């Protein structure tokens, strides 16, 4: 394959090199056509620029993992020295998982969160641009980046990164299609370090953001969340979780959760069109603690509370109605009301526009 700076193959080599290792399944999340991207990956493996490794994951599932080879790094150096230098710095993730499934899984989760940050248009690359944009734009720090910068120990915590805006910081976790083993003490210890660092100065800790592949995962999250004895993610008096999917609809909702002004404009847009009224915490932003108040246990025991106010999007409504008590006044909004919006802000018209479709790997030099 002939590599040219700016082509998808070079962007893939750059992205995989920065992340250490990337699951093959993540290719479906990349911008562009899946079939084309998959053929590019196959060609890069055949030419020796990428290495594909098959590993046995949880429940004996075979996981396919991609990593950058030395030959691939040399080709990247020839085509784009700036990208190659960024890969060699290993600022966002270790070089690779060194054959350890647990280390590789951590890299896979970090890669998914980094890709989500790119799609949201967050400033993610370490350097002067990130420092100067603090408080002005959405910033993303990987957990590895923070541990390297401040000398923290992150072995016990499961978070993959942190989003930072002007007033808050938000821990982010990638679940994929399954729940996470959970140690509230380890997560709290890491977040306490963030709070006492320059990153947390003048900011409060927002909800923990859980990213998954499908909305159906909420059923598993809720079953374990209300069980204080569960070894998986569970709720406590200090916890606050929001769940989003990594598809376009989920990322648009996540952008609303991270941007107060975007949320304000979107709620005004819905109200002006007679869809639903504005509220402090819209139900469609998927607060798990709020949903848990109306959660129906499988034993048949009914919770007294029911979801009889607010609104959900169509993609969320089916699973919520299946596991929660819902009332007749719960509004279901067609997904098109969010998907049809173009979500960059137009300052001239003050209209809300919300699209998490930033150009893949478009920031800074060598891009």
Protein backbone atom coordinates (compact mmCIF):
# COMPACT_ATOMS: atom_id res chain seq x y z
CA UNK A 1 0.00 0.00 0.00
CA UNK A 2 1.27 3.44 -0.94
CA UNK A 3 1.05 5.72 2.08
CA UNK A 4 0.37 9.44 1.79
CA UNK A 5 0.08 11.93 4.62
CA UNK A 6 -3.57 12.46 5.48
CA UNK A 7 -4.87 9.19 4.06
CA UNK A 8 -6.88 6.80 6.23
CA UNK A 9 -4.06 4.26 6.42
CA UNK A 10 -1.67 6.82 7.93
CA UNK A 11 -4.33 8.00 10.37
CA UNK A 12 -4.89 4.41 11.46
CA UNK A 13 -1.18 3.79 12.02
CA UNK A 14 -1.01 7.01 14.03
CA UNK A 15 -4.08 6.22 16.15
CA UNK A 16 -3.10 2.62 16.87
CA UNK A 17 0.46 3.67 17.70
CA UNK A 18 -0.75 6.31 20.17
CA UNK A 19 -3.15 3.88 21.87
CA UNK A 20 -0.64 1.03 22.18
CA UNK A 21 -3.20 -1.58 21.15
CA UNK A 22 -6.65 -1.29 19.61
CA UNK A 23 -9.33 -3.99 19.31
CA UNK A 24 -10.33 -4.91 15.77
CA UNK A 25 -13.95 -4.36 16.80
CA UNK A 26 -13.22 -0.64 17.25
CA UNK A 27 -12.83 -0.26 13.48
CA UNK A 28 -16.62 -0.01 13.22
CA UNK A 29 -16.49 3.23 15.28
CA UNK A 30 -14.04 4.94 12.93
CA UNK A 31 -15.30 7.70 10.63
CA UNK A 32 -16.05 6.70 7.06
CA UNK A 33 -17.30 3.43 5.61
CA UNK A 34 -16.72 0.32 7.68
CA UNK A 35 -16.01 -1.96 4.69
CA UNK A 36 -13.35 0.40 3.38
CA UNK A 37 -11.72 0.85 6.80
CA UNK A 38 -11.69 -2.91 7.34
CA UNK A 39 -9.96 -3.46 3.99
CA UNK A 40 -7.35 -0.84 4.92
CA UNK A 41 -6.67 -2.65 8.19
CA UNK A 42 -6.36 -5.99 6.37
CA UNK A 43 -3.89 -4.50 3.89
CA UNK A 44 -1.79 -2.91 6.66
CA UNK A 45 -1.59 -6.27 8.44
CA UNK A 46 -0.62 -8.05 5.21
CA UNK A 47 2.11 -5.49 4.50
CA UNK A 48 3.54 -5.87 8.00
CA UNK A 49 2.72 -2.38 9.23
CA UNK A 50 0.24 -3.69 11.80
CA UNK A 51 0.31 -6.84 13.89
CA UNK A 52 -2.87 -8.72 14.75
CA UNK A 53 -2.82 -10.78 17.91
CA UNK A 54 -5.59 -13.11 19.09
CA UNK A 55 -6.06 -13.32 22.84
CA UNK A 56 -8.42 -15.27 25.07
CA UNK A 57 -10.47 -12.78 27.06
CA UNK A 58 -13.17 -13.17 29.66
CA UNK A 59 -15.52 -16.15 29.30
CA UNK A 60 -13.09 -17.66 26.75
CA UNK A 61 -13.97 -15.08 24.15
CA UNK A 62 -11.33 -14.54 21.47
CA UNK A 63 -10.34 -10.89 21.22
CA UNK A 64 -8.38 -9.62 18.22
CA UNK A 65 -5.94 -6.83 19.01
CA UNK A 66 -3.99 -4.55 16.64
CA UNK A 67 -0.62 -2.98 17.39
CA UNK A 68 1.89 -0.95 15.38
CA UNK A 69 5.00 -2.80 14.18
CA UNK A 70 8.50 -1.37 13.90
CA UNK A 71 8.12 -1.42 10.10
CA UNK A 72 4.86 0.49 10.42
CA UNK A 73 6.55 3.09 12.62
CA UNK A 74 9.34 3.51 10.05
CA UNK A 75 6.78 4.07 7.30
CA UNK A 76 5.00 6.60 9.51
CA UNK A 77 8.33 8.37 10.08
CA UNK A 78 8.89 8.57 6.32
CA UNK A 79 5.41 9.91 5.54
CA UNK A 80 4.76 12.08 8.61
CA UNK A 81 7.64 12.68 11.06
CA UNK A 82 5.34 14.64 13.35
CA UNK A 83 2.99 11.70 13.79
CA UNK A 84 5.89 9.30 14.34
CA UNK A 85 7.35 11.54 17.03
CA UNK A 86 3.98 11.65 18.77
CA UNK A 87 3.74 7.84 18.73
CA UNK A 88 7.26 7.45 20.13
CA UNK A 89 6.48 9.78 23.03
CA UNK A 90 3.91 7.30 24.44
CA UNK A 91 2.21 10.24 26.14
CA UNK A 92 -1.32 8.80 26.06
CA UNK A 93 -0.71 5.08 26.59
CA UNK A 94 2.09 2.51 27.05
CA UNK A 95 3.77 1.02 23.99
CA UNK A 96 1.65 -2.16 24.14
CA UNK A 97 0.15 -4.67 26.55
CA UNK A 98 3.24 -6.97 26.51
CA UNK A 99 1.05 -10.02 26.01
CA UNK A 100 -0.94 -9.51 29.21
CA UNK A 101 -4.69 -9.72 28.68
CA UNK A 102 -5.49 -7.34 31.55
CA UNK A 103 -3.02 -4.72 30.30
CA UNK A 104 -4.28 -5.11 26.75
CA UNK A 105 -7.88 -4.72 27.90
CA UNK A 106 -6.96 -1.47 29.65
CA UNK A 107 -5.43 -0.21 26.39
CA UNK A 108 -8.55 -1.22 24.46
CA UNK A 109 -10.77 0.74 26.84
CA UNK A 110 -8.48 3.75 26.61
CA UNK A 111 -8.56 3.62 22.80
CA UNK A 112 -12.37 3.68 22.76
CA UNK A 113 -12.49 6.67 25.12
CA UNK A 114 -9.86 8.55 23.12
CA UNK A 115 -11.80 7.97 19.91
CA UNK A 116 -14.97 9.25 21.60
CA UNK A 117 -13.06 12.37 22.70
CA UNK A 118 -11.90 12.94 19.13
CA UNK A 119 -15.43 12.62 17.80
CA UNK A 120 -16.67 15.08 20.41
CA UNK A 121 -14.09 17.61 19.27
CA UNK A 122 -12.27 17.67 22.61
CA UNK A 123 -8.66 18.83 22.82
CA UNK A 124 -6.84 15.56 23.53
CA UNK A 125 -3.21 15.92 22.44
CA UNK A 126 -0.72 16.85 25.20
CA UNK A 127 1.04 20.14 24.71
CA UNK A 128 0.62 23.88 24.72
CA UNK A 129 -2.74 23.82 22.92
CA UNK A 130 -4.30 21.74 25.68
CA UNK A 131 -2.92 23.99 28.41
CA UNK A 132 -4.07 27.19 26.72
CA UNK A 133 -7.56 25.79 26.08
CA UNK A 134 -8.20 24.87 29.73
CA UNK A 135 -11.42 26.50 30.87
CA UNK A 136 -12.35 27.52 27.34
CA UNK A 137 -12.94 24.23 25.52
CA UNK A 138 -13.65 20.61 26.34
CA UNK A 139 -10.37 18.86 27.23
CA UNK A 140 -9.64 15.13 27.46
CA UNK A 141 -6.86 13.58 29.57
CA UNK A 142 -6.15 9.86 29.45
CA UNK A 143 -5.64 8.17 32.82
CA UNK A 144 -2.15 7.11 31.72
CA UNK A 145 -1.30 10.69 30.79
CA UNK A 146 -2.29 11.88 34.27
CA UNK A 147 -0.33 9.14 36.05
CA UNK A 148 2.78 10.02 34.04
CA UNK A 149 2.36 13.74 34.59
CA UNK A 150 1.72 13.62 38.34
CA UNK A 151 3.33 10.31 39.30
CA UNK A 152 0.10 8.68 40.48
CA UNK A 153 -0.62 4.95 40.76
CA UNK A 154 -3.64 3.95 38.68
CA UNK A 155 -3.41 0.16 38.84
CA UNK A 156 -6.58 -0.36 40.86
CA UNK A 157 -8.83 2.21 39.19
CA UNK A 158 -10.80 1.36 36.05
CA UNK A 159 -11.32 4.83 34.61
CA UNK A 160 -9.80 5.40 31.18
CA UNK A 161 -9.73 9.18 31.17
CA UNK A 162 -11.24 12.45 32.31
CA UNK A 163 -13.14 15.15 30.43
CA UNK A 164 -12.62 18.68 31.73
CA UNK A 165 -14.65 21.77 31.00
CA UNK A 166 -14.73 25.17 32.66
CA UNK A 167 -16.45 24.16 35.88
CA UNK A 168 -16.32 20.34 36.16
CA UNK A 169 -14.33 17.23 35.41
CA UNK A 170 -15.95 13.93 34.44
CA UNK A 171 -14.40 10.44 34.83
CA UNK A 172 -15.08 8.26 31.79
CA UNK A 173 -15.20 4.46 31.55
CA UNK A 174 -15.63 2.24 28.49
CA UNK A 175 -17.65 -0.92 29.14
CA UNK A 176 -18.13 -2.31 25.66
CA UNK A 177 -20.84 -4.97 25.93
CA UNK A 178 -20.32 -5.98 29.58
CA UNK A 179 -20.23 -4.55 33.09
CA UNK A 180 -17.01 -3.74 34.99
CA UNK A 181 -15.51 -5.18 38.13
CA UNK A 182 -15.65 -2.30 40.57
CA UNK A 183 -13.69 -1.01 43.55
CA UNK A 184 -15.27 2.18 44.80
CA UNK A 185 -12.29 2.81 47.06
CA UNK A 186 -9.79 2.64 44.18
CA UNK A 187 -11.90 4.92 41.97
CA UNK A 188 -12.42 7.42 44.79
CA UNK A 189 -8.71 7.46 45.61
CA UNK A 190 -7.82 8.38 42.02
CA UNK A 191 -10.51 11.07 41.85
CA UNK A 192 -9.35 12.53 45.17
CA UNK A 193 -5.92 12.95 43.60
CA UNK A 194 -7.49 14.71 40.63
CA UNK A 195 -9.42 17.00 43.00
CA UNK A 196 -6.23 18.02 44.81
CA UNK A 197 -4.27 18.57 41.59
CA UNK A 198 -4.16 21.74 39.43
CA UNK A 199 -6.66 19.99 37.15
CA UNK A 200 -9.29 19.92 39.90
CA UNK A 201 -8.63 23.41 41.26
CA UNK A 202 -11.82 25.47 41.07
CA UNK A 203 -13.76 22.56 39.54
CA UNK A 204 -16.18 19.99 40.93
CA UNK A 205 -16.39 16.31 40.04
CA UNK A 206 -19.33 15.66 37.72
CA UNK A 207 -21.07 12.37 37.02
CA UNK A 208 -19.01 9.35 36.04
CA UNK A 209 -19.68 8.67 32.36
CA UNK A 210 -20.12 5.04 31.32
CA UNK A 211 -19.78 4.27 27.61
CA UNK A 212 -21.15 1.08 26.12
CA UNK A 213 -21.95 -0.47 22.77
CA UNK A 214 -25.74 -0.76 23.19
CA UNK A 215 -28.53 0.73 25.31
CA UNK A 216 -29.53 -2.81 26.36
CA UNK A 217 -26.52 -2.93 28.68
CA UNK A 218 -28.46 -0.64 31.02
CA UNK A 219 -30.46 -3.67 32.21
CA UNK A 220 -27.31 -5.34 33.55
CA UNK A 221 -26.01 -2.06 35.00
CA UNK A 222 -29.25 -1.48 36.86
CA UNK A 223 -29.45 -5.01 38.27
CA UNK A 224 -25.97 -4.71 39.80
CA UNK A 225 -26.23 -0.99 40.55
CA UNK A 226 -28.99 -1.42 43.12
CA UNK A 227 -27.17 -4.36 44.75
CA UNK A 228 -24.71 -2.94 47.27
CA UNK A 229 -22.98 -6.34 47.54
CA UNK A 230 -22.26 -6.63 43.82
CA UNK A 231 -18.63 -6.80 42.72
CA UNK A 232 -19.59 -4.92 39.57
CA UNK A 233 -20.53 -1.25 39.26
CA UNK A 234 -22.99 -0.40 42.03
CA UNK A 235 -24.52 2.76 43.40
CA UNK A 236 -23.64 4.41 46.70
CA UNK A 237 -24.60 7.61 48.49
CA UNK A 238 -21.65 9.37 46.83
CA UNK A 239 -22.00 7.92 43.34
CA UNK A 240 -23.37 9.56 40.21
CA UNK A 241 -23.42 7.73 36.88
CA UNK A 242 -24.62 8.54 33.39
CA UNK A 243 -24.67 6.01 30.56
CA UNK A 244 -24.26 6.67 26.84
CA UNK A 245 -23.57 4.53 23.80
CA UNK A 246 -20.63 5.10 21.49
CA UNK A 247 -22.75 5.48 18.35
CA UNK A 248 -23.68 8.87 16.93
CA UNK A 249 -26.85 9.19 19.00
CA UNK A 250 -25.06 8.37 22.25
CA UNK A 251 -22.21 10.78 21.55
CA UNK A 252 -24.63 13.60 20.77
CA UNK A 253 -26.34 13.02 24.12
CA UNK A 254 -22.96 12.89 25.81
CA UNK A 255 -22.06 16.24 24.27
CA UNK A 256 -25.20 17.71 25.84
CA UNK A 257 -24.18 16.32 29.23
CA UNK A 258 -20.72 17.92 28.96
CA UNK A 259 -21.80 21.31 27.61
CA UNK A 260 -24.33 23.28 29.68
CA UNK A 261 -24.91 25.90 27.01
CA UNK A 262 -25.51 23.25 24.35
CA UNK A 263 -28.02 21.57 26.68
CA UNK A 264 -29.77 24.87 27.36
CA UNK A 265 -30.13 25.61 23.65
CA UNK A 266 -31.29 22.10 22.87
CA UNK A 267 -33.95 22.18 25.58
CA UNK A 268 -35.13 25.55 24.30
CA UNK A 269 -35.26 24.07 20.79
CA UNK A 270 -37.44 21.17 21.97
CA UNK A 271 -39.70 23.48 23.95
CA UNK A 272 -40.17 25.88 21.04
CA UNK A 273 -41.23 22.93 18.88
CA UNK A 274 -43.70 21.69 21.48
CA UNK A 275 -41.83 18.47 22.20
CA UNK A 276 -41.17 18.71 25.94
CA UNK A 277 -40.43 21.26 28.65
CA UNK A 278 -36.96 22.07 29.95
CA UNK A 279 -35.74 20.57 33.23
CA UNK A 280 -32.64 20.70 35.45
CA UNK A 281 -31.65 17.09 34.71
CA UNK A 282 -33.42 15.77 31.60
CA UNK A 283 -34.27 12.09 31.80
CA UNK A 284 -32.68 11.47 28.39
CA UNK A 285 -29.26 12.29 29.88
CA UNK A 286 -29.63 8.91 31.55
CA UNK A 287 -28.80 9.39 35.23
CA UNK A 288 -28.65 5.79 36.48
CA UNK A 289 -29.50 6.80 40.05
CA UNK A 290 -32.63 8.56 38.80
CA UNK A 291 -33.67 5.51 36.79
CA UNK A 292 -32.97 3.22 39.74
CA UNK A 293 -35.77 4.88 41.72
CA UNK A 294 -38.26 3.30 39.34
CA UNK A 295 -36.33 0.09 38.66
CA UNK A 296 -38.42 -3.10 38.74
CA UNK A 297 -36.67 -6.03 40.39
CA UNK A 298 -36.86 -9.37 38.58
CA UNK A 299 -38.33 -10.92 41.71
CA UNK A 300 -41.50 -9.00 40.93
CA UNK A 301 -41.12 -6.49 43.73
CA UNK A 302 -42.28 -3.11 42.49
CA UNK A 303 -40.68 0.17 43.50
CA UNK A 304 -43.14 2.84 44.58
CA UNK A 305 -41.71 5.49 42.27
CA UNK A 306 -42.59 5.52 38.60
CA UNK A 307 -41.18 7.49 35.71
CA UNK A 308 -44.17 9.61 34.85
CA UNK A 309 -42.39 12.83 33.91
CA UNK A 310 -39.70 13.85 31.50
CA UNK A 311 -38.69 12.48 28.11
CA UNK A 312 -36.58 9.75 26.56
CA UNK A 313 -35.42 9.24 23.01
CA UNK A 314 -36.69 6.25 21.06
CA UNK A 315 -33.35 4.45 21.30
CA UNK A 316 -33.58 4.59 25.11
CA UNK A 317 -37.29 4.12 25.69
CA UNK A 318 -37.62 0.38 24.95
CA UNK A 319 -35.09 -0.79 27.53
CA UNK A 320 -36.29 1.71 30.16
CA UNK A 321 -39.91 0.64 29.77
CA UNK A 322 -38.80 -2.97 30.09
CA UNK A 323 -36.99 -2.58 33.41
CA UNK A 324 -38.65 0.43 35.09
CA UNK A 325 -42.08 1.50 36.25
CA UNK A 326 -43.22 4.06 33.70
CA UNK A 327 -46.33 6.21 33.62
CA UNK A 328 -48.52 7.36 30.73
CA UNK A 329 -47.07 10.88 30.79
CA UNK A 330 -43.53 9.78 29.96
CA UNK A 331 -42.67 11.31 26.58
CA UNK A 332 -40.83 9.41 23.83
CA UNK A 333 -38.96 11.69 21.43
CA UNK A 334 -38.08 10.38 17.93
CA UNK A 335 -34.30 10.18 17.53
CA UNK A 336 -34.46 12.42 14.47
CA UNK A 337 -34.93 15.49 16.68
CA UNK A 338 -31.34 15.09 17.80
CA UNK A 339 -29.81 13.32 14.79
CA UNK A 340 -31.06 15.92 12.31
CA UNK A 341 -29.34 18.75 14.18
CA UNK A 342 -26.00 20.05 13.03
CA UNK A 343 -24.45 20.73 16.42
CA UNK A 344 -21.67 23.19 16.01
CA UNK A 345 -22.70 26.53 17.44
CA UNK A 346 -23.60 29.24 14.98
CA UNK A 347 -22.82 32.45 16.87
CA UNK A 348 -24.55 34.63 14.31
CA UNK A 349 -27.94 32.97 14.81
CA UNK A 350 -27.40 31.66 18.37
CA UNK A 351 -28.81 28.32 17.20
CA UNK A 352 -27.80 25.09 18.85
CA UNK A 353 -25.98 22.68 16.66
CA UNK A 354 -24.62 19.41 18.05
CA UNK A 355 -22.52 17.14 15.82
CA UNK A 356 -19.79 14.91 17.27
CA UNK A 357 -18.27 14.41 13.83
CA UNK A 358 -14.92 16.13 14.16
CA UNK A 359 -12.37 15.09 11.56
CA UNK A 360 -10.55 11.96 12.71
CA UNK A 361 -7.11 12.86 14.12
CA UNK A 362 -7.33 16.45 12.92
CA UNK A 363 -5.60 18.29 15.74
CA UNK A 364 -2.22 19.98 15.68
CA UNK A 365 0.92 19.42 13.67
CA UNK A 366 1.51 16.39 11.53
CA UNK A 367 -2.22 15.80 11.14
